[in-house]
Amino acid sequence: MNYKIDVSKSIDELSEKFAQILLEVLGHGKKPINIALSGGSTPKAVFDFLAEYYKTKIDWNRINFFWGDERCVPSNHPENNYLMTQEYLFNKINISPKNIFKIDGGNNPKLETQKYSEVIRKNVPLENGIPSFDLIMLGLGKDGHTASIFQNNIKLIMDKTICAVAEQPVTHQKRITLTGTVINNAKKIVFLVTGESKNKTVDIILNKKEGYEKFPAAHIIPANGDLVWLLDNEAMTNF
């Protein structure tokens, strides 16, 4: 598998690189694109950067926004990924509500999983019978999880559904997540990873060290798309 590793000296530099990737995926013309967002501290900083420096440089209404995962909490809860995106990006840019396809974390998890799967099926083009996002943003946990696919539910990497209910192994909080099947069918996948706390995990995954297979993020291998790791110096490892 071909993948690109790009190391930045600061979060602003990393954010600028993500902005350029977003512009590249968007391209010219009027065709809309579909992207799935991630939660977490690094995306928060990236959204803040985009809102400040790319508010008028990006045609935001050509982008349909979805989420790769969501905590099963109401949309006004501080842990809600949609709320974070709204506060740091949507409230600061010109974007129509019809372009935002949020997961209702306050709904019954099983019912919302079915509902959101149908929303994706109706709005994201299929490739080989599987929804194919133009861009998926992913984070990385110290435990090697990505989206809400944890080691205790790593089988979701191969799950043939679009979305599934997952459980955070420590807090037992319910999550709704895209499956690995859908993530790996994206045209472009970008990991955003910052901080020294992620260094060891990045090292194990990218250097395929002993036990790397237990990390869900190690199984993000696009079927036909591109994979980019945007890292900062602290998350970087040796190759």
C-alpha atoms as a PDB file:
ATOM      1  CA  MET A   1       0.000   0.000   0.000  1.00  0.00           C
ATOM      2  CA  ASN A   2       1.231   3.468  -0.877  1.00  0.00           C
ATOM      3  CA  TYR A   3       0.802   6.148   1.722  1.00  0.00           C
ATOM      4  CA  LYS A   4       2.291   9.566   2.372  1.00  0.00           C
ATOM      5  CA  ILE A   5       3.741  10.773   5.658  1.00  0.00           C
ATOM      6  CA  ASP A   6       3.939  14.539   6.089  1.00  0.00           C
ATOM      7  CA  VAL A   7       5.468  16.050   9.223  1.00  0.00           C
ATOM      8  CA  SER A   8       4.757  19.602  10.394  1.00  0.00           C
ATOM      9  CA  LYS A   9       6.518  21.813  12.922  1.00  0.00           C
ATOM     10  CA  SER A  10       3.293  23.276  14.279  1.00  0.00           C
ATOM     11  CA  ILE A  11      -0.454  22.744  14.334  1.00  0.00           C
ATOM     12  CA  ASP A  12      -0.877  25.740  12.033  1.00  0.00           C
ATOM     13  CA  GLU A  13       1.465  24.186   9.468  1.00  0.00           C
ATOM     14  CA  LEU A  14      -0.425  20.891   9.711  1.00  0.00           C
ATOM     15  CA  SER A  15      -3.724  22.738   9.351  1.00  0.00           C
ATOM     16  CA  GLU A  16      -2.468  24.546   6.265  1.00  0.00           C
ATOM     17  CA  LYS A  17      -1.528  21.217   4.693  1.00  0.00           C
ATOM     18  CA  PHE A  18      -4.983  19.844   5.424  1.00  0.00           C
ATOM     19  CA  ALA A  19      -6.520  22.960   3.883  1.00  0.00           C
ATOM     20  CA  GLN A  20      -4.519  22.367   0.706  1.00  0.00           C
ATOM     21  CA  ILE A  21      -5.675  18.742   0.604  1.00  0.00           C
ATOM     22  CA  LEU A  22      -9.264  19.925   0.996  1.00  0.00           C
ATOM     23  CA  LEU A  23      -8.847  22.390  -1.883  1.00  0.00           C
ATOM     24  CA  GLU A  24      -7.280  19.678  -4.025  1.00  0.00           C
ATOM     25  CA  VAL A  25     -10.174  17.301  -3.375  1.00  0.00           C
ATOM     26  CA  LEU A  26     -12.660  20.102  -4.010  1.00  0.00           C
ATOM     27  CA  GLY A  27     -11.038  20.972  -7.328  1.00  0.00           C
ATOM     28  CA  HIS A  28     -12.620  23.366  -9.788  1.00  0.00           C
ATOM     29  CA  GLY A  29     -16.169  23.552 -11.048  1.00  0.00           C
ATOM     30  CA  LYS A  30     -19.415  23.128  -9.176  1.00  0.00           C
ATOM     31  CA  LYS A  31     -19.535  19.426  -8.358  1.00  0.00           C
ATOM     32  CA  PRO A  32     -20.181  18.825  -4.638  1.00  0.00           C
ATOM     33  CA  ILE A  33     -17.942  16.594  -2.552  1.00  0.00           C
ATOM     34  CA  ASN A  34     -18.726  14.441   0.468  1.00  0.00           C
ATOM     35  CA  ILE A  35     -16.431  14.407   3.467  1.00  0.00           C
ATOM     36  CA  ALA A  36     -16.603  12.708   6.873  1.00  0.00           C
ATOM     37  CA  LEU A  37     -15.184  14.590   9.840  1.00  0.00           C
ATOM     38  CA  SER A  38     -13.518  13.523  13.063  1.00  0.00           C
ATOM     39  CA  GLY A  39     -13.774  14.810  16.597  1.00  0.00           C
ATOM     40  CA  GLY A  40     -10.875  15.474  18.943  1.00  0.00           C
ATOM     41  CA  SER A  41      -8.457  18.242  19.884  1.00  0.00           C
ATOM     42  CA  THR A  42      -6.472  18.201  16.630  1.00  0.00           C
ATOM     43  CA  PRO A  43      -9.532  18.560  14.333  1.00  0.00           C
ATOM     44  CA  LYS A  44     -10.746  21.335  16.653  1.00  0.00           C
ATOM     45  CA  ALA A  45      -7.530  23.273  15.977  1.00  0.00           C
ATOM     46  CA  VAL A  46      -7.773  22.529  12.247  1.00  0.00           C
ATOM     47  CA  PHE A  47     -11.390  23.753  12.100  1.00  0.00           C
ATOM     48  CA  ASP A  48     -10.401  26.930  13.930  1.00  0.00           C
ATOM     49  CA  PHE A  49      -7.600  27.511  11.403  1.00  0.00           C
ATOM     50  CA  LEU A  50      -9.890  26.903   8.423  1.00  0.00           C
ATOM     51  CA  ALA A  51     -12.499  29.301   9.775  1.00  0.00           C
ATOM     52  CA  GLU A  52      -9.903  32.031  10.218  1.00  0.00           C
ATOM     53  CA  TYR A  53      -7.782  31.663   7.092  1.00  0.00           C
ATOM     54  CA  TYR A  54     -10.038  29.873   4.583  1.00  0.00           C
ATOM     55  CA  LYS A  55     -13.406  31.425   5.353  1.00  0.00           C
ATOM     56  CA  THR A  56     -13.650  32.924   1.856  1.00  0.00           C
ATOM     57  CA  LYS A  57     -11.076  30.754   0.046  1.00  0.00           C
ATOM     58  CA  ILE A  58     -13.246  27.642   0.080  1.00  0.00           C
ATOM     59  CA  ASP A  59     -16.689  27.303  -1.460  1.00  0.00           C
ATOM     60  CA  TRP A  60     -18.141  25.683   1.638  1.00  0.00           C
ATOM     61  CA  ASN A  61     -21.528  25.071   0.034  1.00  0.00           C
ATOM     62  CA  ARG A  62     -19.930  22.601  -2.363  1.00  0.00           C
ATOM     63  CA  ILE A  63     -19.087  20.388   0.598  1.00  0.00           C
ATOM     64  CA  ASN A  64     -21.501  17.927   2.191  1.00  0.00           C
ATOM     65  CA  PHE A  65     -20.397  17.248   5.755  1.00  0.00           C
ATOM     66  CA  PHE A  66     -20.862  13.903   7.491  1.00  0.00           C
ATOM     67  CA  TRP A  67     -19.165  12.383  10.562  1.00  0.00           C
ATOM     68  CA  GLY A  68     -17.007   9.304  10.864  1.00  0.00           C
ATOM     69  CA  ASP A  69     -18.277   8.747  14.379  1.00  0.00           C
ATOM     70  CA  GLU A  70     -20.296  10.332  17.144  1.00  0.00           C
ATOM     71  CA  ARG A  71     -20.706   9.830  20.857  1.00  0.00           C
ATOM     72  CA  CYS A  72     -24.199   8.838  21.925  1.00  0.00           C
ATOM     73  CA  VAL A  73     -24.901  12.114  23.678  1.00  0.00           C
ATOM     74  CA  PRO A  74     -27.293  14.942  22.689  1.00  0.00           C
ATOM     75  CA  SER A  75     -26.119  17.515  20.146  1.00  0.00           C
ATOM     76  CA  ASN A  76     -25.790  20.162  22.889  1.00  0.00           C
ATOM     77  CA  HIS A  77     -23.519  17.957  25.024  1.00  0.00           C
ATOM     78  CA  PRO A  78     -19.878  19.129  25.357  1.00  0.00           C
ATOM     79  CA  GLU A  79     -18.598  15.722  24.163  1.00  0.00           C
ATOM     80  CA  ASN A  80     -20.648  15.859  20.948  1.00  0.00           C
ATOM     81  CA  ASN A  81     -18.506  15.974  17.803  1.00  0.00           C
ATOM     82  CA  TYR A  82     -21.121  17.893  15.833  1.00  0.00           C
ATOM     83  CA  LEU A  83     -21.317  20.594  18.526  1.00  0.00           C
ATOM     84  CA  MET A  84     -17.542  21.039  18.444  1.00  0.00           C
ATOM     85  CA  THR A  85     -17.576  21.410  14.654  1.00  0.00           C
ATOM     86  CA  GLN A  86     -20.456  23.852  14.855  1.00  0.00           C
ATOM     87  CA  GLU A  87     -18.638  26.018  17.404  1.00  0.00           C
ATOM     88  CA  TYR A  88     -15.236  26.015  15.715  1.00  0.00           C
ATOM     89  CA  LEU A  89     -16.205  25.931  12.035  1.00  0.00           C
ATOM     90  CA  PHE A  90     -19.845  26.108  10.949  1.00  0.00           C
ATOM     91  CA  ASN A  91     -20.756  29.170  13.033  1.00  0.00           C
ATOM     92  CA  LYS A  92     -17.858  31.071  11.459  1.00  0.00           C
ATOM     93  CA  ILE A  93     -18.338  30.285   7.755  1.00  0.00           C
ATOM     94  CA  ASN A  94     -21.046  30.577   5.122  1.00  0.00           C
ATOM     95  CA  ILE A  95     -22.579  27.115   5.043  1.00  0.00           C
ATOM     96  CA  SER A  96     -26.143  26.012   4.377  1.00  0.00           C
ATOM     97  CA  PRO A  97     -27.764  23.675   6.932  1.00  0.00           C
ATOM     98  CA  LYS A  98     -28.723  21.366   4.042  1.00  0.00           C
ATOM     99  CA  ASN A  99     -25.025  20.572   3.596  1.00  0.00           C
ATOM    100  CA  ILE A 100     -24.692  19.251   7.141  1.00  0.00           C
ATOM    101  CA  PHE A 101     -25.658  15.631   7.834  1.00  0.00           C
ATOM    102  CA  LYS A 102     -25.154  15.166  11.552  1.00  0.00           C
ATOM    103  CA  ILE A 103     -25.557  12.011  13.594  1.00  0.00           C
ATOM    104  CA  ASP A 104     -28.236  12.386  16.260  1.00  0.00           C
ATOM    105  CA  GLY A 105     -26.320  11.171  19.280  1.00  0.00           C
ATOM    106  CA  GLY A 106     -29.362  11.608  21.478  1.00  0.00           C
ATOM    107  CA  ASN A 107     -31.378   9.074  19.510  1.00  0.00           C
ATOM    108  CA  ASN A 108     -31.525   5.344  20.287  1.00  0.00           C
ATOM    109  CA  PRO A 109     -28.100   4.106  19.089  1.00  0.00           C
ATOM    110  CA  LYS A 110     -29.396   1.143  17.087  1.00  0.00           C
ATOM    111  CA  LEU A 111     -32.139   3.185  15.430  1.00  0.00           C
ATOM    112  CA  GLU A 112     -29.783   6.076  14.686  1.00  0.00           C
ATOM    113  CA  THR A 113     -27.250   3.692  13.162  1.00  0.00           C
ATOM    114  CA  GLN A 114     -29.903   2.460  10.755  1.00  0.00           C
ATOM    115  CA  LYS A 115     -31.115   5.986  10.047  1.00  0.00           C
ATOM    116  CA  TYR A 116     -27.642   7.418   9.411  1.00  0.00           C
ATOM    117  CA  SER A 117     -26.687   4.468   7.227  1.00  0.00           C
ATOM    118  CA  GLU A 118     -29.691   5.281   5.047  1.00  0.00           C
ATOM    119  CA  VAL A 119     -28.774   8.986   4.954  1.00  0.00           C
ATOM    120  CA  ILE A 120     -25.307   8.060   3.698  1.00  0.00           C
ATOM    121  CA  ARG A 121     -26.656   5.544   1.205  1.00  0.00           C
ATOM    122  CA  LYS A 122     -28.955   8.187  -0.288  1.00  0.00           C
ATOM    123  CA  ASN A 123     -26.407  10.995  -0.439  1.00  0.00           C
ATOM    124  CA  VAL A 124     -22.978   9.447  -1.018  1.00  0.00           C
ATOM    125  CA  PRO A 125     -22.245   7.764  -4.379  1.00  0.00           C
ATOM    126  CA  LEU A 126     -21.579   4.027  -4.291  1.00  0.00           C
ATOM    127  CA  GLU A 127     -18.436   2.342  -5.575  1.00  0.00           C
ATOM    128  CA  ASN A 128     -18.673  -1.437  -5.760  1.00  0.00           C
ATOM    129  CA  GLY A 129     -21.915  -1.176  -3.820  1.00  0.00           C
ATOM    130  CA  ILE A 130     -20.270   0.693  -0.920  1.00  0.00           C
ATOM    131  CA  PRO A 131     -20.525   4.442  -0.153  1.00  0.00           C
ATOM    132  CA  SER A 132     -17.387   6.219  -1.329  1.00  0.00           C
ATOM    133  CA  PHE A 133     -16.546   9.472   0.430  1.00  0.00           C
ATOM    134  CA  ASP A 134     -14.269  11.919  -1.354  1.00  0.00           C
ATOM    135  CA  LEU A 135     -12.383  12.579   1.888  1.00  0.00           C
ATOM    136  CA  ILE A 136     -12.420  11.073   5.366  1.00  0.00           C
ATOM    137  CA  MET A 137     -10.664  12.777   8.272  1.00  0.00           C
ATOM    138  CA  LEU A 138      -9.453  10.407  10.985  1.00  0.00           C
ATOM    139  CA  GLY A 139      -7.835  10.774  14.373  1.00  0.00           C
ATOM    140  CA  LEU A 140      -5.722   8.271  16.289  1.00  0.00           C
ATOM    141  CA  GLY A 141      -6.057   7.274  19.928  1.00  0.00           C
ATOM    142  CA  LYS A 142      -3.133   6.213  22.089  1.00  0.00           C
ATOM    143  CA  ASP A 143      -4.776   2.775  22.136  1.00  0.00           C
ATOM    144  CA  GLY A 144      -4.682   2.656  18.334  1.00  0.00           C
ATOM    145  CA  HIS A 145      -8.384   3.250  17.793  1.00  0.00           C
ATOM    146  CA  THR A 146      -9.712   5.382  14.960  1.00  0.00           C
ATOM    147  CA  ALA A 147     -13.230   6.681  14.373  1.00  0.00           C
ATOM    148  CA  SER A 148     -14.925   4.642  17.140  1.00  0.00           C
ATOM    149  CA  ILE A 149     -13.392   1.324  16.175  1.00  0.00           C
ATOM    150  CA  PHE A 150     -11.580   0.121  19.287  1.00  0.00           C
ATOM    151  CA  GLN A 151      -9.568  -3.016  19.958  1.00  0.00           C
ATOM    152  CA  ASN A 152     -12.594  -4.590  21.653  1.00  0.00           C
ATOM    153  CA  ASN A 153     -14.612  -4.212  18.447  1.00  0.00           C
ATOM    154  CA  ILE A 154     -11.893  -4.468  15.804  1.00  0.00           C
ATOM    155  CA  LYS A 155     -14.221  -6.777  13.866  1.00  0.00           C
ATOM    156  CA  LEU A 156     -15.948  -3.572  12.714  1.00  0.00           C
ATOM    157  CA  ILE A 157     -13.004  -3.052  10.354  1.00  0.00           C
ATOM    158  CA  MET A 158     -14.425  -5.831   8.174  1.00  0.00           C
ATOM    159  CA  ASP A 159     -18.104  -5.287   8.941  1.00  0.00           C
ATOM    160  CA  LYS A 160     -20.175  -5.063   5.767  1.00  0.00           C
ATOM    161  CA  THR A 161     -22.673  -2.530   7.114  1.00  0.00           C
ATOM    162  CA  ILE A 162     -22.275   1.233   6.687  1.00  0.00           C
ATOM    163  CA  CYS A 163     -22.520   2.242  10.344  1.00  0.00           C
ATOM    164  CA  ALA A 164     -22.394   0.290  13.574  1.00  0.00           C
ATOM    165  CA  VAL A 165     -22.824   0.795  17.310  1.00  0.00           C
ATOM    166  CA  ALA A 166     -19.528   0.643  19.193  1.00  0.00           C
ATOM    167  CA  GLU A 167     -18.622   0.869  22.870  1.00  0.00           C
ATOM    168  CA  GLN A 168     -15.702   2.734  24.384  1.00  0.00           C
ATOM    169  CA  PRO A 169     -13.930  -0.040  26.350  1.00  0.00           C
ATOM    170  CA  VAL A 170     -13.141   2.006  29.479  1.00  0.00           C
ATOM    171  CA  THR A 171     -16.149   4.296  29.917  1.00  0.00           C
ATOM    172  CA  HIS A 172     -18.552   1.913  28.126  1.00  0.00           C
ATOM    173  CA  GLN A 173     -20.010   4.936  26.363  1.00  0.00           C
ATOM    174  CA  LYS A 174     -21.951   4.004  23.237  1.00  0.00           C
ATOM    175  CA  ARG A 175     -20.713   5.417  19.951  1.00  0.00           C
ATOM    176  CA  ILE A 176     -21.937   5.351  16.359  1.00  0.00           C
ATOM    177  CA  THR A 177     -19.180   4.790  13.829  1.00  0.00           C
ATOM    178  CA  LEU A 178     -18.525   4.201  10.172  1.00  0.00           C
ATOM    179  CA  THR A 179     -17.237   0.686   9.600  1.00  0.00           C
ATOM    180  CA  GLY A 180     -13.805  -0.022   8.191  1.00  0.00           C
ATOM    181  CA  THR A 181     -15.432  -1.225   4.979  1.00  0.00           C
ATOM    182  CA  VAL A 182     -16.778   2.275   4.296  1.00  0.00           C
ATOM    183  CA  ILE A 183     -13.668   4.091   5.533  1.00  0.00           C
ATOM    184  CA  ASN A 184     -11.404   2.002   3.315  1.00  0.00           C
ATOM    185  CA  ASN A 185     -13.625   2.732   0.310  1.00  0.00           C
ATOM    186  CA  ALA A 186     -12.919   6.484   0.467  1.00  0.00           C
ATOM    187  CA  LYS A 187     -11.033   8.242  -2.310  1.00  0.00           C
ATOM    188  CA  LYS A 188      -8.739   9.928   0.208  1.00  0.00           C
ATOM    189  CA  ILE A 189      -8.149   9.297   3.910  1.00  0.00           C
ATOM    190  CA  VAL A 190      -6.196  11.712   6.096  1.00  0.00           C
ATOM    191  CA  PHE A 191      -5.005  10.913   9.608  1.00  0.00           C
ATOM    192  CA  LEU A 192      -4.420  13.998  11.775  1.00  0.00           C
ATOM    193  CA  VAL A 193      -2.096  13.106  14.649  1.00  0.00           C
ATOM    194  CA  THR A 194      -0.370  15.474  17.056  1.00  0.00           C
ATOM    195  CA  GLY A 195       1.362  15.201  20.399  1.00  0.00           C
ATOM    196  CA  GLU A 196       4.067  13.126  22.039  1.00  0.00           C
ATOM    197  CA  SER A 197       1.452  10.855  23.628  1.00  0.00           C
ATOM    198  CA  LYS A 198       0.736   9.383  20.166  1.00  0.00           C
ATOM    199  CA  ASN A 199       4.400   8.828  19.252  1.00  0.00           C
ATOM    200  CA  LYS A 200       4.653   5.204  20.358  1.00  0.00           C
ATOM    201  CA  THR A 201       1.393   4.226  18.681  1.00  0.00           C
ATOM    202  CA  VAL A 202       2.426   5.873  15.407  1.00  0.00           C
ATOM    203  CA  ASP A 203       5.770   4.070  15.598  1.00  0.00           C
ATOM    204  CA  ILE A 204       4.168   0.659  16.100  1.00  0.00           C
ATOM    205  CA  ILE A 205       1.631   1.121  13.306  1.00  0.00           C
ATOM    206  CA  LEU A 206       3.784   2.693  10.608  1.00  0.00           C
ATOM    207  CA  ASN A 207       6.814   0.528  11.284  1.00  0.00           C
ATOM    208  CA  LYS A 208       4.621  -2.570  11.690  1.00  0.00           C
ATOM    209  CA  LYS A 209       6.234  -3.479  14.974  1.00  0.00           C
ATOM    210  CA  GLU A 210       5.156  -6.436  17.076  1.00  0.00           C
ATOM    211  CA  GLY A 211       1.472  -6.323  17.939  1.00  0.00           C
ATOM    212  CA  TYR A 212       0.560  -3.668  15.378  1.00  0.00           C
ATOM    213  CA  GLU A 213      -2.267  -5.858  14.072  1.00  0.00           C
ATOM    214  CA  LYS A 214      -4.271  -5.300  17.269  1.00  0.00           C
ATOM    215  CA  PHE A 215      -4.556  -1.574  16.497  1.00  0.00           C
ATOM    216  CA  PRO A 216      -7.659  -0.766  14.422  1.00  0.00           C
ATOM    217  CA  ALA A 217      -5.890   2.176  12.766  1.00  0.00           C
ATOM    218  CA  ALA A 218      -3.340  -0.241  11.312  1.00  0.00           C
ATOM    219  CA  HIS A 219      -6.133  -1.748   9.223  1.00  0.00           C
ATOM    220  CA  ILE A 220      -7.055   1.483   7.485  1.00  0.00           C
ATOM    221  CA  ILE A 221      -5.874   0.482   4.026  1.00  0.00           C
ATOM    222  CA  PRO A 222      -7.784   2.205   1.215  1.00  0.00           C
ATOM    223  CA  ALA A 223      -9.036  -0.206  -1.431  1.00  0.00           C
ATOM    224  CA  ASN A 224      -8.444   2.240  -4.271  1.00  0.00           C
ATOM    225  CA  GLY A 225      -7.812   5.584  -2.600  1.00  0.00           C
ATOM    226  CA  ASP A 226      -4.939   7.559  -1.111  1.00  0.00           C
ATOM    227  CA  LEU A 227      -3.806   7.569   2.511  1.00  0.00           C
ATOM    228  CA  VAL A 228      -2.030  10.536   4.087  1.00  0.00           C
ATOM    229  CA  TRP A 229      -0.621  10.790   7.606  1.00  0.00           C
ATOM    230  CA  LEU A 230      -0.347  14.424   8.740  1.00  0.00           C
ATOM    231  CA  LEU A 231       1.830  14.401  11.849  1.00  0.00           C
ATOM    232  CA  ASP A 232       3.523  17.030  13.955  1.00  0.00           C
ATOM    233  CA  ASN A 233       7.107  16.683  15.176  1.00  0.00           C
ATOM    234  CA  GLU A 234       6.027  15.318  18.542  1.00  0.00           C
ATOM    235  CA  ALA A 235       3.978  12.505  17.005  1.00  0.00           C
ATOM    236  CA  MET A 236       6.653  11.722  14.456  1.00  0.00           C
ATOM    237  CA  THR A 237       8.741   8.578  14.714  1.00  0.00           C
ATOM    238  CA  ASN A 238      11.771   7.215  12.896  1.00  0.00           C
ATOM    239  CA  PHE A 239      11.593   5.414   9.558  1.00  0.00           C
END
